[in-house]
Amino acid sequence: MGKTYSTKKADIVIRLSEFEMPPMQDVLIVGKKAPIGPEAARRMVDILSPEQYEIIQMDHPVIEAIVIRKSLMNILEQDKLITTIMEEGGKIANDQMIIKAQVNITLEVSKSIEL
């Protein structure tokens, strides 16, 4: 029987910009002193897209929470996704901001099968 080789790779593109209405994006990064808190942000997005977002509380100096589209965490492990968002979003965020982020994930899978 031949050997099978498999590799997986994920490319992530994140677009960050200041929050504005309407708030429909993939991710909201909520500062600790933002005009609205993470629960209010979730209520806002739930009005337009019920049950599609999850709040992740953060242990960070300026970021209180991330409101993230649940479907993204079906594609990529939550820890890897949150780490990547925090690495980039944490560079521009301050405690009074709400940052919206568009996240596009492209999965690439290749397999080699010995014949």
PDB file of N, CA and C in Angstrom:
ATOM      1  N   MET A   1       0.837  -1.178   0.000  1.00  0.00           N
ATOM      2  CA  MET A   1       0.000   0.000   0.000  1.00  0.00           C
ATOM      3  C   MET A   1       0.886   1.246   0.000  1.00  0.00           C
ATOM      4  N   GLY A   2       0.548   2.247  -0.801  1.00  0.00           N
ATOM      5  CA  GLY A   2       1.358   3.453  -0.945  1.00  0.00           C
ATOM      6  C   GLY A   2       1.197   4.413   0.205  1.00  0.00           C
ATOM      7  N   LYS A   3       2.196   5.280   0.329  1.00  0.00           N
ATOM      8  CA  LYS A   3       2.160   6.297   1.374  1.00  0.00           C
ATOM      9  C   LYS A   3       1.320   7.481   0.908  1.00  0.00           C
ATOM     10  N   THR A   4       0.664   8.143   1.850  1.00  0.00           N
ATOM     11  CA  THR A   4      -0.122   9.329   1.567  1.00  0.00           C
ATOM     12  C   THR A   4       0.463  10.495   2.347  1.00  0.00           C
ATOM     13  N   TYR A   5       0.682  11.607   1.668  1.00  0.00           N
ATOM     14  CA  TYR A   5       1.204  12.810   2.309  1.00  0.00           C
ATOM     15  C   TYR A   5       0.135  13.891   2.226  1.00  0.00           C
ATOM     16  N   SER A   6      -0.021  14.633   3.291  1.00  0.00           N
ATOM     17  CA  SER A   6      -1.040  15.674   3.324  1.00  0.00           C
ATOM     18  C   SER A   6      -0.480  16.913   4.016  1.00  0.00           C
ATOM     19  N   THR A   7      -0.753  18.073   3.449  1.00  0.00           N
ATOM     20  CA  THR A   7      -0.383  19.332   4.092  1.00  0.00           C
ATOM     21  C   THR A   7      -1.580  20.264   4.049  1.00  0.00           C
ATOM     22  N   LYS A   8      -1.655  21.134   5.036  1.00  0.00           N
ATOM     23  CA  LYS A   8      -2.703  22.150   5.071  1.00  0.00           C
ATOM     24  C   LYS A   8      -2.046  23.480   5.355  1.00  0.00           C
ATOM     25  N   LYS A   9      -2.594  24.530   4.770  1.00  0.00           N
ATOM     26  CA  LYS A   9      -2.056  25.864   4.963  1.00  0.00           C
ATOM     27  C   LYS A   9      -3.225  26.843   4.970  1.00  0.00           C
ATOM     28  N   ALA A  10      -3.172  27.860   5.804  1.00  0.00           N
ATOM     29  CA  ALA A  10      -4.202  28.897   5.830  1.00  0.00           C
ATOM     30  C   ALA A  10      -3.547  30.245   5.590  1.00  0.00           C
ATOM     31  N   ASP A  11      -4.077  31.003   4.632  1.00  0.00           N
ATOM     32  CA  ASP A  11      -3.652  32.377   4.409  1.00  0.00           C
ATOM     33  C   ASP A  11      -4.723  33.277   4.994  1.00  0.00           C
ATOM     34  N   ILE A  12      -4.311  34.275   5.756  1.00  0.00           N
ATOM     35  CA  ILE A  12      -5.259  35.180   6.406  1.00  0.00           C
ATOM     36  C   ILE A  12      -4.999  36.597   5.924  1.00  0.00           C
ATOM     37  N   VAL A  13      -6.066  37.278   5.505  1.00  0.00           N
ATOM     38  CA  VAL A  13      -6.002  38.691   5.147  1.00  0.00           C
ATOM     39  C   VAL A  13      -6.950  39.422   6.085  1.00  0.00           C
ATOM     40  N   ILE A  14      -6.451  40.430   6.786  1.00  0.00           N
ATOM     41  CA  ILE A  14      -7.270  41.191   7.726  1.00  0.00           C
ATOM     42  C   ILE A  14      -7.274  42.650   7.282  1.00  0.00           C
ATOM     43  N   ARG A  15      -8.466  43.250   7.164  1.00  0.00           N
ATOM     44  CA  ARG A  15      -8.588  44.675   6.863  1.00  0.00           C
ATOM     45  C   ARG A  15      -9.128  45.360   8.117  1.00  0.00           C
ATOM     46  N   LEU A  16      -8.397  46.331   8.619  1.00  0.00           N
ATOM     47  CA  LEU A  16      -8.773  47.036   9.843  1.00  0.00           C
ATOM     48  C   LEU A  16      -9.153  48.469   9.505  1.00  0.00           C
ATOM     49  N   SER A  17     -10.216  48.948  10.116  1.00  0.00           N
ATOM     50  CA  SER A  17     -10.607  50.348   9.961  1.00  0.00           C
ATOM     51  C   SER A  17     -11.448  50.738  11.166  1.00  0.00           C
ATOM     52  N   GLU A  18     -11.653  52.041  11.341  1.00  0.00           N
ATOM     53  CA  GLU A  18     -12.425  52.506  12.484  1.00  0.00           C
ATOM     54  C   GLU A  18     -13.893  52.119  12.322  1.00  0.00           C
ATOM     55  N   PHE A  19     -14.549  51.815  13.423  1.00  0.00           N
ATOM     56  CA  PHE A  19     -15.938  51.388  13.443  1.00  0.00           C
ATOM     57  C   PHE A  19     -16.863  52.490  12.945  1.00  0.00           C
ATOM     58  N   GLU A  20     -17.845  52.122  12.153  1.00  0.00           N
ATOM     59  CA  GLU A  20     -18.860  53.060  11.688  1.00  0.00           C
ATOM     60  C   GLU A  20     -20.159  52.297  11.484  1.00  0.00           C
ATOM     61  N   MET A  21     -21.253  52.994  11.259  1.00  0.00           N
ATOM     62  CA  MET A  21     -22.548  52.352  11.046  1.00  0.00           C
ATOM     63  C   MET A  21     -22.745  52.094   9.556  1.00  0.00           C
ATOM     64  N   PRO A  22     -23.333  50.997   9.125  1.00  0.00           N
ATOM     65  CA  PRO A  22     -23.736  49.873   9.967  1.00  0.00           C
ATOM     66  C   PRO A  22     -22.532  49.050  10.393  1.00  0.00           C
ATOM     67  N   PRO A  23     -22.656  48.339  11.493  1.00  0.00           N
ATOM     68  CA  PRO A  23     -21.493  47.660  12.067  1.00  0.00           C
ATOM     69  C   PRO A  23     -21.213  46.264  11.507  1.00  0.00           C
ATOM     70  N   MET A  24     -21.813  45.901  10.414  1.00  0.00           N
ATOM     71  CA  MET A  24     -21.675  44.537   9.917  1.00  0.00           C
ATOM     72  C   MET A  24     -20.284  44.291   9.337  1.00  0.00           C
ATOM     73  N   GLN A  25     -19.472  43.607  10.076  1.00  0.00           N
ATOM     74  CA  GLN A  25     -18.153  43.162   9.643  1.00  0.00           C
ATOM     75  C   GLN A  25     -17.918  41.798  10.259  1.00  0.00           C
ATOM     76  N   ASP A  26     -16.751  41.246  10.013  1.00  0.00           N
ATOM     77  CA  ASP A  26     -16.427  39.937  10.562  1.00  0.00           C
ATOM     78  C   ASP A  26     -16.026  40.019  12.034  1.00  0.00           C
ATOM     79  N   VAL A  27     -15.329  41.113  12.401  1.00  0.00           N
ATOM     80  CA  VAL A  27     -14.787  41.253  13.751  1.00  0.00           C
ATOM     81  C   VAL A  27     -14.926  42.700  14.210  1.00  0.00           C
ATOM     82  N   LEU A  28     -15.265  42.883  15.476  1.00  0.00           N
ATOM     83  CA  LEU A  28     -15.179  44.193  16.125  1.00  0.00           C
ATOM     84  C   LEU A  28     -14.204  44.045  17.293  1.00  0.00           C
ATOM     85  N   ILE A  29     -13.211  44.935  17.340  1.00  0.00           N
ATOM     86  CA  ILE A  29     -12.262  44.972  18.450  1.00  0.00           C
ATOM     87  C   ILE A  29     -12.705  46.133  19.329  1.00  0.00           C
ATOM     88  N   VAL A  30     -13.087  45.838  20.568  1.00  0.00           N
ATOM     89  CA  VAL A  30     -13.702  46.834  21.453  1.00  0.00           C
ATOM     90  C   VAL A  30     -12.717  47.245  22.539  1.00  0.00           C
ATOM     91  N   GLY A  31     -12.378  48.541  22.570  1.00  0.00           N
ATOM     92  CA  GLY A  31     -11.489  49.077  23.593  1.00  0.00           C
ATOM     93  C   GLY A  31     -12.173  49.128  24.955  1.00  0.00           C
ATOM     94  N   LYS A  32     -11.367  49.159  26.020  1.00  0.00           N
ATOM     95  CA  LYS A  32     -11.905  49.148  27.387  1.00  0.00           C
ATOM     96  C   LYS A  32     -12.748  50.377  27.710  1.00  0.00           C
ATOM     97  N   LYS A  33     -12.478  51.516  27.069  1.00  0.00           N
ATOM     98  CA  LYS A  33     -13.244  52.743  27.325  1.00  0.00           C
ATOM     99  C   LYS A  33     -14.011  53.184  26.081  1.00  0.00           C
ATOM    100  N   ALA A  34     -14.352  52.245  25.197  1.00  0.00           N
ATOM    101  CA  ALA A  34     -15.085  52.555  23.967  1.00  0.00           C
ATOM    102  C   ALA A  34     -16.485  53.071  24.301  1.00  0.00           C
ATOM    103  N   PRO A  35     -17.072  53.865  23.399  1.00  0.00           N
ATOM    104  CA  PRO A  35     -18.411  54.408  23.649  1.00  0.00           C
ATOM    105  C   PRO A  35     -19.479  53.344  23.893  1.00  0.00           C
ATOM    106  N   ILE A  36     -19.311  52.165  23.292  1.00  0.00           N
ATOM    107  CA  ILE A  36     -20.209  51.048  23.588  1.00  0.00           C
ATOM    108  C   ILE A  36     -19.353  49.855  23.990  1.00  0.00           C
ATOM    109  N   GLY A  37     -19.885  49.042  24.870  1.00  0.00           N
ATOM    110  CA  GLY A  37     -19.153  47.864  25.327  1.00  0.00           C
ATOM    111  C   GLY A  37     -19.416  46.673  24.426  1.00  0.00           C
ATOM    112  N   PRO A  38     -18.792  45.552  24.723  1.00  0.00           N
ATOM    113  CA  PRO A  38     -18.949  44.374  23.877  1.00  0.00           C
ATOM    114  C   PRO A  38     -20.373  43.821  23.839  1.00  0.00           C
ATOM    115  N   GLU A  39     -21.104  43.893  24.941  1.00  0.00           N
ATOM    116  CA  GLU A  39     -22.494  43.397  24.944  1.00  0.00           C
ATOM    117  C   GLU A  39     -23.384  44.255  24.056  1.00  0.00           C
ATOM    118  N   ALA A  40     -23.209  45.580  24.135  1.00  0.00           N
ATOM    119  CA  ALA A  40     -23.985  46.480  23.268  1.00  0.00           C
ATOM    120  C   ALA A  40     -23.621  46.253  21.806  1.00  0.00           C
ATOM    121  N   ALA A  41     -22.343  46.006  21.527  1.00  0.00           N
ATOM    122  CA  ALA A  41     -21.913  45.721  20.148  1.00  0.00           C
ATOM    123  C   ALA A  41     -22.570  44.440  19.653  1.00  0.00           C
ATOM    124  N   ARG A  42     -22.623  43.421  20.509  1.00  0.00           N
ATOM    125  CA  ARG A  42     -23.260  42.169  20.093  1.00  0.00           C
ATOM    126  C   ARG A  42     -24.754  42.381  19.839  1.00  0.00           C
ATOM    127  N   ARG A  43     -25.416  43.141  20.699  1.00  0.00           N
ATOM    128  CA  ARG A  43     -26.841  43.409  20.490  1.00  0.00           C
ATOM    129  C   ARG A  43     -27.059  44.116  19.161  1.00  0.00           C
ATOM    130  N   MET A  44     -26.157  45.048  18.829  1.00  0.00           N
ATOM    131  CA  MET A  44     -26.268  45.747  17.545  1.00  0.00           C
ATOM    132  C   MET A  44     -26.174  44.777  16.373  1.00  0.00           C
ATOM    133  N   VAL A  45     -25.167  43.912  16.378  1.00  0.00           N
ATOM    134  CA  VAL A  45     -25.011  42.992  15.252  1.00  0.00           C
ATOM    135  C   VAL A  45     -26.080  41.906  15.265  1.00  0.00           C
ATOM    136  N   ASP A  46     -26.586  41.537  16.450  1.00  0.00           N
ATOM    137  CA  ASP A  46     -27.650  40.533  16.516  1.00  0.00           C
ATOM    138  C   ASP A  46     -28.953  41.035  15.899  1.00  0.00           C
ATOM    139  N   ILE A  47     -29.171  42.328  15.920  1.00  0.00           N
ATOM    140  CA  ILE A  47     -30.368  42.880  15.283  1.00  0.00           C
ATOM    141  C   ILE A  47     -30.337  42.590  13.786  1.00  0.00           C
ATOM    142  N   LEU A  48     -29.169  42.756  13.175  1.00  0.00           N
ATOM    143  CA  LEU A  48     -29.040  42.548  11.737  1.00  0.00           C
ATOM    144  C   LEU A  48     -28.700  41.104  11.374  1.00  0.00           C
ATOM    145  N   SER A  49     -28.068  40.384  12.287  1.00  0.00           N
ATOM    146  CA  SER A  49     -27.600  39.031  11.989  1.00  0.00           C
ATOM    147  C   SER A  49     -27.638  38.182  13.266  1.00  0.00           C
ATOM    148  N   PRO A  50     -28.839  37.742  13.676  1.00  0.00           N
ATOM    149  CA  PRO A  50     -28.996  37.046  14.960  1.00  0.00           C
ATOM    150  C   PRO A  50     -28.144  35.787  15.088  1.00  0.00           C
ATOM    151  N   GLU A  51     -27.561  35.619  16.285  1.00  0.00           N
ATOM    152  CA  GLU A  51     -26.817  34.413  16.662  1.00  0.00           C
ATOM    153  C   GLU A  51     -25.593  34.135  15.791  1.00  0.00           C
ATOM    154  N   GLN A  52     -25.083  35.121  15.100  1.00  0.00           N
ATOM    155  CA  GLN A  52     -23.953  34.908  14.193  1.00  0.00           C
ATOM    156  C   GLN A  52     -22.610  35.316  14.798  1.00  0.00           C
ATOM    157  N   TYR A  53     -22.629  35.980  15.959  1.00  0.00           N
ATOM    158  CA  TYR A  53     -21.399  36.510  16.558  1.00  0.00           C
ATOM    159  C   TYR A  53     -21.185  35.966  17.962  1.00  0.00           C
ATOM    160  N   GLU A  54     -19.938  35.923  18.365  1.00  0.00           N
ATOM    161  CA  GLU A  54     -19.562  35.504  19.711  1.00  0.00           C
ATOM    162  C   GLU A  54     -18.654  36.576  20.311  1.00  0.00           C
ATOM    163  N   ILE A  55     -18.783  36.791  21.617  1.00  0.00           N
ATOM    164  CA  ILE A  55     -17.908  37.735  22.314  1.00  0.00           C
ATOM    165  C   ILE A  55     -16.773  36.953  22.965  1.00  0.00           C
ATOM    166  N   ILE A  56     -15.550  37.386  22.714  1.00  0.00           N
ATOM    167  CA  ILE A  56     -14.373  36.800  23.343  1.00  0.00           C
ATOM    168  C   ILE A  56     -13.776  37.886  24.246  1.00  0.00           C
ATOM    169  N   GLN A  57     -13.830  37.697  25.563  1.00  0.00           N
ATOM    170  CA  GLN A  57     -13.240  38.652  26.502  1.00  0.00           C
ATOM    171  C   GLN A  57     -11.716  38.538  26.422  1.00  0.00           C
ATOM    172  N   MET A  58     -11.017  39.671  26.445  1.00  0.00           N
ATOM    173  CA  MET A  58      -9.572  39.676  26.286  1.00  0.00           C
ATOM    174  C   MET A  58      -8.889  40.144  27.572  1.00  0.00           C
ATOM    175  N   ASP A  59      -7.739  39.571  27.854  1.00  0.00           N
ATOM    176  CA  ASP A  59      -6.873  40.035  28.938  1.00  0.00           C
ATOM    177  C   ASP A  59      -5.781  40.857  28.267  1.00  0.00           C
ATOM    178  N   HIS A  60      -6.069  42.143  28.053  1.00  0.00           N
ATOM    179  CA  HIS A  60      -5.197  43.025  27.270  1.00  0.00           C
ATOM    180  C   HIS A  60      -5.242  44.414  27.905  1.00  0.00           C
ATOM    181  N   PRO A  61      -4.163  45.181  27.810  1.00  0.00           N
ATOM    182  CA  PRO A  61      -4.144  46.505  28.443  1.00  0.00           C
ATOM    183  C   PRO A  61      -5.209  47.478  27.921  1.00  0.00           C
ATOM    184  N   VAL A  62      -5.546  47.438  26.624  1.00  0.00           N
ATOM    185  CA  VAL A  62      -6.497  48.409  26.082  1.00  0.00           C
ATOM    186  C   VAL A  62      -7.728  47.776  25.440  1.00  0.00           C
ATOM    187  N   ILE A  63      -7.675  46.505  25.090  1.00  0.00           N
ATOM    188  CA  ILE A  63      -8.792  45.848  24.406  1.00  0.00           C
ATOM    189  C   ILE A  63      -9.589  45.024  25.417  1.00  0.00           C
ATOM    190  N   GLU A  64     -10.905  45.312  25.480  1.00  0.00           N
ATOM    191  CA  GLU A  64     -11.779  44.590  26.408  1.00  0.00           C
ATOM    192  C   GLU A  64     -12.265  43.272  25.812  1.00  0.00           C
ATOM    193  N   ALA A  65     -12.643  43.311  24.536  1.00  0.00           N
ATOM    194  CA  ALA A  65     -13.233  42.111  23.939  1.00  0.00           C
ATOM    195  C   ALA A  65     -13.158  42.183  22.420  1.00  0.00           C
ATOM    196  N   ILE A  66     -13.383  41.018  21.825  1.00  0.00           N
ATOM    197  CA  ILE A  66     -13.529  40.912  20.377  1.00  0.00           C
ATOM    198  C   ILE A  66     -14.899  40.302  20.128  1.00  0.00           C
ATOM    199  N   VAL A  67     -15.671  40.923  19.253  1.00  0.00           N
ATOM    200  CA  VAL A  67     -16.940  40.357  18.801  1.00  0.00           C
ATOM    201  C   VAL A  67     -16.645  39.773  17.424  1.00  0.00           C
ATOM    202  N   ILE A  68     -16.783  38.460  17.293  1.00  0.00           N
ATOM    203  CA  ILE A  68     -16.316  37.776  16.083  1.00  0.00           C
ATOM    204  C   ILE A  68     -17.414  36.906  15.471  1.00  0.00           C
ATOM    205  N   ARG A  69     -17.444  36.899  14.160  1.00  0.00           N
ATOM    206  CA  ARG A  69     -18.410  36.074  13.429  1.00  0.00           C
ATOM    207  C   ARG A  69     -18.088  34.599  13.691  1.00  0.00           C
ATOM    208  N   LYS A  70     -19.078  33.848  14.184  1.00  0.00           N
ATOM    209  CA  LYS A  70     -18.880  32.456  14.567  1.00  0.00           C
ATOM    210  C   LYS A  70     -18.383  31.587  13.411  1.00  0.00           C
ATOM    211  N   SER A  71     -18.819  31.873  12.208  1.00  0.00           N
ATOM    212  CA  SER A  71     -18.441  31.036  11.064  1.00  0.00           C
ATOM    213  C   SER A  71     -16.936  31.055  10.810  1.00  0.00           C
ATOM    214  N   LEU A  72     -16.251  32.130  11.191  1.00  0.00           N
ATOM    215  CA  LEU A  72     -14.795  32.181  11.013  1.00  0.00           C
ATOM    216  C   LEU A  72     -14.108  31.132  11.864  1.00  0.00           C
ATOM    217  N   MET A  73     -14.665  30.859  13.036  1.00  0.00           N
ATOM    218  CA  MET A  73     -14.060  29.887  13.941  1.00  0.00           C
ATOM    219  C   MET A  73     -14.371  28.448  13.528  1.00  0.00           C
ATOM    220  N   ASN A  74     -15.254  28.280  12.538  1.00  0.00           N
ATOM    221  CA  ASN A  74     -15.469  26.958  11.954  1.00  0.00           C
ATOM    222  C   ASN A  74     -14.394  26.651  10.915  1.00  0.00           C
ATOM    223  N   ILE A  75     -13.768  27.693  10.391  1.00  0.00           N
ATOM    224  CA  ILE A  75     -12.754  27.530   9.350  1.00  0.00           C
ATOM    225  C   ILE A  75     -11.367  27.396   9.965  1.00  0.00           C
ATOM    226  N   LEU A  76     -11.096  28.195  10.979  1.00  0.00           N
ATOM    227  CA  LEU A  76      -9.766  28.248  11.585  1.00  0.00           C
ATOM    228  C   LEU A  76      -9.913  28.124  13.095  1.00  0.00           C
ATOM    229  N   GLU A  77      -8.978  27.458  13.747  1.00  0.00           N
ATOM    230  CA  GLU A  77      -9.027  27.308  15.203  1.00  0.00           C
ATOM    231  C   GLU A  77      -9.130  28.680  15.866  1.00  0.00           C
ATOM    232  N   GLN A  78      -9.970  28.765  16.892  1.00  0.00           N
ATOM    233  CA  GLN A  78     -10.219  30.037  17.576  1.00  0.00           C
ATOM    234  C   GLN A  78      -8.924  30.673  18.079  1.00  0.00           C
ATOM    235  N   ASP A  79      -8.053  29.904  18.712  1.00  0.00           N
ATOM    236  CA  ASP A  79      -6.816  30.463  19.268  1.00  0.00           C
ATOM    237  C   ASP A  79      -5.937  31.092  18.192  1.00  0.00           C
ATOM    238  N   LYS A  80      -5.797  30.427  17.062  1.00  0.00           N
ATOM    239  CA  LYS A  80      -4.964  30.957  15.970  1.00  0.00           C
ATOM    240  C   LYS A  80      -5.584  32.219  15.381  1.00  0.00           C
ATOM    241  N   LEU A  81      -6.894  32.198  15.221  1.00  0.00           N
ATOM    242  CA  LEU A  81      -7.593  33.350  14.655  1.00  0.00           C
ATOM    243  C   LEU A  81      -7.494  34.556  15.589  1.00  0.00           C
ATOM    244  N   ILE A  82      -7.791  34.357  16.875  1.00  0.00           N
ATOM    245  CA  ILE A  82      -7.750  35.452  17.853  1.00  0.00           C
ATOM    246  C   ILE A  82      -6.327  35.992  17.994  1.00  0.00           C
ATOM    247  N   THR A  83      -5.341  35.110  18.041  1.00  0.00           N
ATOM    248  CA  THR A  83      -3.943  35.545  18.154  1.00  0.00           C
ATOM    249  C   THR A  83      -3.559  36.436  16.984  1.00  0.00           C
ATOM    250  N   THR A  84      -3.930  36.039  15.774  1.00  0.00           N
ATOM    251  CA  THR A  84      -3.602  36.827  14.583  1.00  0.00           C
ATOM    252  C   THR A  84      -4.313  38.176  14.603  1.00  0.00           C
ATOM    253  N   ILE A  85      -5.577  38.183  14.959  1.00  0.00           N
ATOM    254  CA  ILE A  85      -6.337  39.442  15.020  1.00  0.00           C
ATOM    255  C   ILE A  85      -5.741  40.372  16.072  1.00  0.00           C
ATOM    256  N   MET A  86      -5.398  39.822  17.239  1.00  0.00           N
ATOM    257  CA  MET A  86      -4.835  40.640  18.310  1.00  0.00           C
ATOM    258  C   MET A  86      -3.442  41.171  17.964  1.00  0.00           C
ATOM    259  N   GLU A  87      -2.638  40.378  17.277  1.00  0.00           N
ATOM    260  CA  GLU A  87      -1.302  40.843  16.883  1.00  0.00           C
ATOM    261  C   GLU A  87      -1.401  42.084  16.013  1.00  0.00           C
ATOM    262  N   GLU A  88      -2.310  42.063  15.056  1.00  0.00           N
ATOM    263  CA  GLU A  88      -2.432  43.194  14.130  1.00  0.00           C
ATOM    264  C   GLU A  88      -3.316  44.307  14.687  1.00  0.00           C
ATOM    265  N   GLY A  89      -4.473  43.954  15.223  1.00  0.00           N
ATOM    266  CA  GLY A  89      -5.391  44.958  15.768  1.00  0.00           C
ATOM    267  C   GLY A  89      -4.835  45.648  16.992  1.00  0.00           C
ATOM    268  N   GLY A  90      -4.080  44.913  17.804  1.00  0.00           N
ATOM    269  CA  GLY A  90      -3.480  45.477  19.003  1.00  0.00           C
ATOM    270  C   GLY A  90      -2.460  46.563  18.712  1.00  0.00           C
ATOM    271  N   LYS A  91      -1.913  46.563  17.504  1.00  0.00           N
ATOM    272  CA  LYS A  91      -0.928  47.581  17.121  1.00  0.00           C
ATOM    273  C   LYS A  91      -1.564  48.944  16.898  1.00  0.00           C
ATOM    274  N   ILE A  92      -2.837  48.971  16.500  1.00  0.00           N
ATOM    275  CA  ILE A  92      -3.468  50.262  16.190  1.00  0.00           C
ATOM    276  C   ILE A  92      -4.560  50.657  17.177  1.00  0.00           C
ATOM    277  N   ALA A  93      -5.001  49.715  17.992  1.00  0.00           N
ATOM    278  CA  ALA A  93      -6.120  49.987  18.902  1.00  0.00           C
ATOM    279  C   ALA A  93      -5.686  50.829  20.088  1.00  0.00           C
ATOM    280  N   ASN A  94      -6.625  51.643  20.564  1.00  0.00           N
ATOM    281  CA  ASN A  94      -6.454  52.274  21.869  1.00  0.00           C
ATOM    282  C   ASN A  94      -7.704  51.964  22.682  1.00  0.00           C
ATOM    283  N   ASP A  95      -7.717  52.360  23.947  1.00  0.00           N
ATOM    284  CA  ASP A  95      -8.803  51.933  24.836  1.00  0.00           C
ATOM    285  C   ASP A  95     -10.149  52.574  24.531  1.00  0.00           C
ATOM    286  N   GLN A  96     -10.186  53.604  23.659  1.00  0.00           N
ATOM    287  CA  GLN A  96     -11.439  54.277  23.351  1.00  0.00           C
ATOM    288  C   GLN A  96     -12.005  53.899  21.983  1.00  0.00           C
ATOM    289  N   MET A  97     -11.318  53.053  21.257  1.00  0.00           N
ATOM    290  CA  MET A  97     -11.717  52.723  19.891  1.00  0.00           C
ATOM    291  C   MET A  97     -12.568  51.464  19.803  1.00  0.00           C
ATOM    292  N   ILE A  98     -13.373  51.439  18.754  1.00  0.00           N
ATOM    293  CA  ILE A  98     -14.005  50.210  18.284  1.00  0.00           C
ATOM    294  C   ILE A  98     -13.511  50.058  16.853  1.00  0.00           C
ATOM    295  N   ILE A  99     -12.822  48.980  16.592  1.00  0.00           N
ATOM    296  CA  ILE A  99     -12.251  48.760  15.272  1.00  0.00           C
ATOM    297  C   ILE A  99     -12.997  47.617  14.605  1.00  0.00           C
ATOM    298  N   LYS A 100     -13.427  47.853  13.373  1.00  0.00           N
ATOM    299  CA  LYS A 100     -14.041  46.763  12.627  1.00  0.00           C
ATOM    300  C   LYS A 100     -12.959  46.131  11.762  1.00  0.00           C
ATOM    301  N   ALA A 101     -13.061  44.843  11.576  1.00  0.00           N
ATOM    302  CA  ALA A 101     -12.075  44.123  10.773  1.00  0.00           C
ATOM    303  C   ALA A 101     -12.791  43.171   9.833  1.00  0.00           C
ATOM    304  N   GLN A 102     -12.405  43.229   8.588  1.00  0.00           N
ATOM    305  CA  GLN A 102     -12.872  42.258   7.609  1.00  0.00           C
ATOM    306  C   GLN A 102     -11.814  41.168   7.538  1.00  0.00           C
ATOM    307  N   VAL A 103     -12.214  39.936   7.710  1.00  0.00           N
ATOM    308  CA  VAL A 103     -11.271  38.820   7.729  1.00  0.00           C
ATOM    309  C   VAL A 103     -11.635  37.856   6.604  1.00  0.00           C
ATOM    310  N   ASN A 104     -10.689  37.653   5.701  1.00  0.00           N
ATOM    311  CA  ASN A 104     -10.866  36.677   4.621  1.00  0.00           C
ATOM    312  C   ASN A 104      -9.875  35.549   4.849  1.00  0.00           C
ATOM    313  N   ILE A 105     -10.374  34.341   4.927  1.00  0.00           N
ATOM    314  CA  ILE A 105      -9.520  33.172   5.137  1.00  0.00           C
ATOM    315  C   ILE A 105      -9.602  32.302   3.890  1.00  0.00           C
ATOM    316  N   THR A 106      -8.446  31.983   3.335  1.00  0.00           N
ATOM    317  CA  THR A 106      -8.371  31.090   2.191  1.00  0.00           C
ATOM    318  C   THR A 106      -7.604  29.852   2.614  1.00  0.00           C
ATOM    319  N   LEU A 107      -8.242  28.707   2.545  1.00  0.00           N
ATOM    320  CA  LEU A 107      -7.577  27.461   2.891  1.00  0.00           C
ATOM    321  C   LEU A 107      -7.016  26.822   1.625  1.00  0.00           C
ATOM    322  N   GLU A 108      -5.812  26.314   1.742  1.00  0.00           N
ATOM    323  CA  GLU A 108      -5.183  25.603   0.636  1.00  0.00           C
ATOM    324  C   GLU A 108      -4.782  24.220   1.137  1.00  0.00           C
ATOM    325  N   VAL A 109      -5.229  23.192   0.449  1.00  0.00           N
ATOM    326  CA  VAL A 109      -4.929  21.825   0.840  1.00  0.00           C
ATOM    327  C   VAL A 109      -4.287  21.136  -0.348  1.00  0.00           C
ATOM    328  N   SER A 110      -3.170  20.452  -0.095  1.00  0.00           N
ATOM    329  CA  SER A 110      -2.549  19.662  -1.158  1.00  0.00           C
ATOM    330  C   SER A 110      -2.212  18.289  -0.594  1.00  0.00           C
ATOM    331  N   LYS A 111      -2.352  17.285  -1.441  1.00  0.00           N
ATOM    332  CA  LYS A 111      -2.056  15.918  -1.039  1.00  0.00           C
ATOM    333  C   LYS A 111      -1.209  15.266  -2.119  1.00  0.00           C
ATOM    334  N   SER A 112      -0.277  14.452  -1.671  1.00  0.00           N
ATOM    335  CA  SER A 112       0.509  13.637  -2.579  1.00  0.00           C
ATOM    336  C   SER A 112       0.219  12.183  -2.256  1.00  0.00           C
ATOM    337  N   ILE A 113      -0.083  11.419  -3.267  1.00  0.00           N
ATOM    338  CA  ILE A 113      -0.401  10.000  -3.093  1.00  0.00           C
ATOM    339  C   ILE A 113       0.609   9.190  -3.915  1.00  0.00           C
ATOM    340  N   GLU A 114       1.247   8.266  -3.245  1.00  0.00           N
ATOM    341  CA  GLU A 114       2.213   7.414  -3.941  1.00  0.00           C
ATOM    342  C   GLU A 114       1.460   6.412  -4.797  1.00  0.00           C
ATOM    343  N   LEU A 115       1.835   6.311  -6.061  1.00  0.00           N
ATOM    344  CA  LEU A 115       1.158   5.387  -7.002  1.00  0.00           C
ATOM    345  C   LEU A 115       1.901   4.080  -7.130  1.00  0.00           C
TER     346      LEU A 115
END
